[in-house]
Protein backbone atom coordinates (compact mmCIF):
# COMPACT_ATOMS: atom_id res chain seq x y z
CA UNK A 1 23.67 123.96 78.84
CA UNK A 2 24.45 120.21 79.24
CA UNK A 3 27.40 118.97 77.21
CA UNK A 4 28.02 115.25 77.85
CA UNK A 5 27.65 114.76 81.40
CA UNK A 6 28.78 118.37 82.35
CA UNK A 7 26.45 120.99 83.23
CA UNK A 8 27.72 124.58 82.29
CA UNK A 9 25.11 127.32 82.60
CA UNK A 10 25.03 129.65 79.59
CA UNK A 11 24.57 132.80 81.87
CA UNK A 12 28.03 132.41 83.47
CA UNK A 13 31.62 133.46 82.24
CA UNK A 14 34.35 130.81 82.31
CA UNK A 15 37.98 131.07 82.95
CA UNK A 16 40.11 128.60 81.04
CA UNK A 17 41.07 126.69 84.04
CA UNK A 18 37.40 125.95 84.84
CA UNK A 19 36.19 128.52 87.14
CA UNK A 20 32.95 130.29 86.71
CA UNK A 21 32.05 133.83 87.01
CA UNK A 22 28.61 135.37 87.68
CA UNK A 23 27.81 139.18 87.59
CA UNK A 24 26.00 140.42 90.56
CA UNK A 25 25.64 144.14 90.12
CA UNK A 26 28.98 145.48 90.49
CA UNK A 27 30.47 142.39 92.06
CA UNK A 28 31.65 138.96 90.58
CA UNK A 29 30.86 135.68 92.31
CA UNK A 30 33.26 132.92 91.44
CA UNK A 31 33.62 129.27 91.77
CA UNK A 32 34.83 125.90 90.29
CA UNK A 33 32.69 124.67 87.35
CA UNK A 34 31.26 121.28 87.13
CA UNK A 35 33.99 119.79 84.77
CA UNK A 36 36.64 120.59 87.24
CA UNK A 37 34.91 119.50 90.36
CA UNK A 38 34.05 116.24 88.65
CA UNK A 39 37.81 115.66 87.39
CA UNK A 40 39.15 116.50 90.82
CA UNK A 41 36.97 114.24 92.72
CA UNK A 42 36.19 114.80 96.46
CA UNK A 43 37.31 118.39 97.32
CA UNK A 44 38.88 118.05 100.89
CA UNK A 45 40.64 121.45 101.30
CA UNK A 46 40.22 125.05 99.99
CA UNK A 47 42.87 127.67 100.85
CA UNK A 48 40.91 131.06 100.91
CA UNK A 49 42.81 134.21 100.43
CA UNK A 50 42.28 137.12 102.90
CA UNK A 51 39.27 139.55 102.25
CA UNK A 52 40.89 142.64 100.78
CA UNK A 53 43.47 140.75 98.89
CA UNK A 54 44.25 142.35 95.51
CA UNK A 55 44.42 140.13 92.80
CA UNK A 56 45.71 140.27 89.19
CA UNK A 57 44.09 138.81 86.08
CA UNK A 58 45.88 135.48 85.34
CA UNK A 59 47.76 135.34 88.43
CA UNK A 60 47.25 132.43 91.22
CA UNK A 61 45.58 133.66 94.46
CA UNK A 62 44.07 130.45 95.89
CA UNK A 63 44.29 126.63 95.94
CA UNK A 64 41.71 123.78 95.98
CA UNK A 65 42.77 120.27 96.97
CA UNK A 66 41.10 116.76 96.51
CA UNK A 67 42.51 113.30 97.48
CA UNK A 68 44.26 113.03 94.13
CA UNK A 69 44.75 116.64 93.09
CA UNK A 70 45.79 120.00 93.97
CA UNK A 71 44.70 122.85 91.89
CA UNK A 72 45.53 126.54 91.69
CA UNK A 73 42.82 129.12 91.17
CA UNK A 74 43.77 131.88 89.01
CA UNK A 75 41.99 135.34 89.00
CA UNK A 76 39.51 135.82 86.24
CA UNK A 77 39.89 139.66 86.36
CA UNK A 78 42.06 142.15 88.39
CA UNK A 79 40.37 143.43 91.49
CA UNK A 80 39.95 142.78 95.15
CA UNK A 81 38.55 139.93 97.14
CA UNK A 82 35.59 141.26 99.17
CA UNK A 83 34.14 138.00 100.57
CA UNK A 84 35.16 134.36 100.71
CA UNK A 85 32.87 131.64 101.32
CA UNK A 86 33.84 130.66 104.91
CA UNK A 87 31.55 127.47 104.75
CA UNK A 88 34.22 126.18 102.55
CA UNK A 89 36.66 125.80 105.76
CA UNK A 90 34.31 123.28 107.30
CA UNK A 91 32.64 121.80 104.28
CA UNK A 92 34.96 122.03 101.19
CA UNK A 93 32.51 119.28 99.66
CA UNK A 94 30.06 122.00 99.05
CA UNK A 95 31.89 122.48 95.81
CA UNK A 96 31.07 118.87 94.68
CA UNK A 97 27.39 119.16 95.98
CA UNK A 98 26.63 122.47 94.50
CA UNK A 99 29.47 124.08 92.47
CA UNK A 100 27.14 126.72 91.13
CA UNK A 101 25.16 127.55 94.35
CA UNK A 102 26.28 126.81 98.08
CA UNK A 103 29.72 125.89 96.68
CA UNK A 104 30.78 129.28 95.52
CA UNK A 105 34.20 130.31 96.44
CA UNK A 106 34.85 134.18 96.21
CA UNK A 107 33.35 137.47 95.55
CA UNK A 108 35.55 139.90 93.58
CA UNK A 109 35.28 143.77 93.11
CA UNK A 110 36.73 144.24 89.81
CA UNK A 111 39.02 146.97 88.80
CA UNK A 112 37.46 146.87 85.32
CA UNK A 113 34.35 145.12 84.61
CA UNK A 114 35.00 144.91 80.90
CA UNK A 115 37.67 142.42 81.57
CA UNK A 116 34.97 139.81 81.94
CA UNK A 117 34.50 140.12 78.12
CA UNK A 118 37.83 138.30 77.71
CA UNK A 119 36.44 135.10 79.39
CA UNK A 120 34.58 132.33 77.68
CA UNK A 121 30.93 133.04 77.50
CA UNK A 122 29.23 132.48 74.16
CA UNK A 123 27.36 128.99 74.09
CA UNK A 124 29.33 127.97 70.91
CA UNK A 125 32.52 128.98 72.50
CA UNK A 126 31.79 127.27 75.79
CA UNK A 127 30.86 123.96 73.80
CA UNK A 128 34.01 124.14 71.88
CA UNK A 129 36.09 124.55 74.95
CA UNK A 130 34.53 122.04 76.89
CA UNK A 131 34.65 119.37 74.17
CA UNK A 132 38.47 120.23 73.61
CA UNK A 133 39.21 119.80 77.47
CA UNK A 134 37.14 116.65 77.56
CA UNK A 135 39.34 115.30 74.96
CA UNK A 136 42.41 116.36 76.46
CA UNK A 137 41.71 115.03 80.08
CA UNK A 138 39.99 111.64 78.63
CA UNK A 139 41.36 108.86 80.57
CA UNK A 140 42.66 105.82 78.54
């Protein structure tokens, strides 16, 4: 779905701090959404957590930096990090180039898959949320 200049695929789930989640079997793939990567500018560093790290829904577990911004990554669900996109160590700009593809960040084995139902998913909800944040972050 295109909302103004932002691409927000409808098949994804969104965490309120602008990270997306895609269900792949019993694993969740997570990354930064188009709104966040455009707002942040050129991503220069991603602090990846260790594989095996146990994360708690709503708690910070990673960091993303651009030249003008330092962002925290919050867990969309409770679970375990089972894989990190190691390519981001050498090429953090993959997030800017392809945030929904090659720029994915983490794979999570959720403790309870039902927690994704608490994320933003319905097209109307996605639109309302993003339009609100566009207004909130609009530069005067």
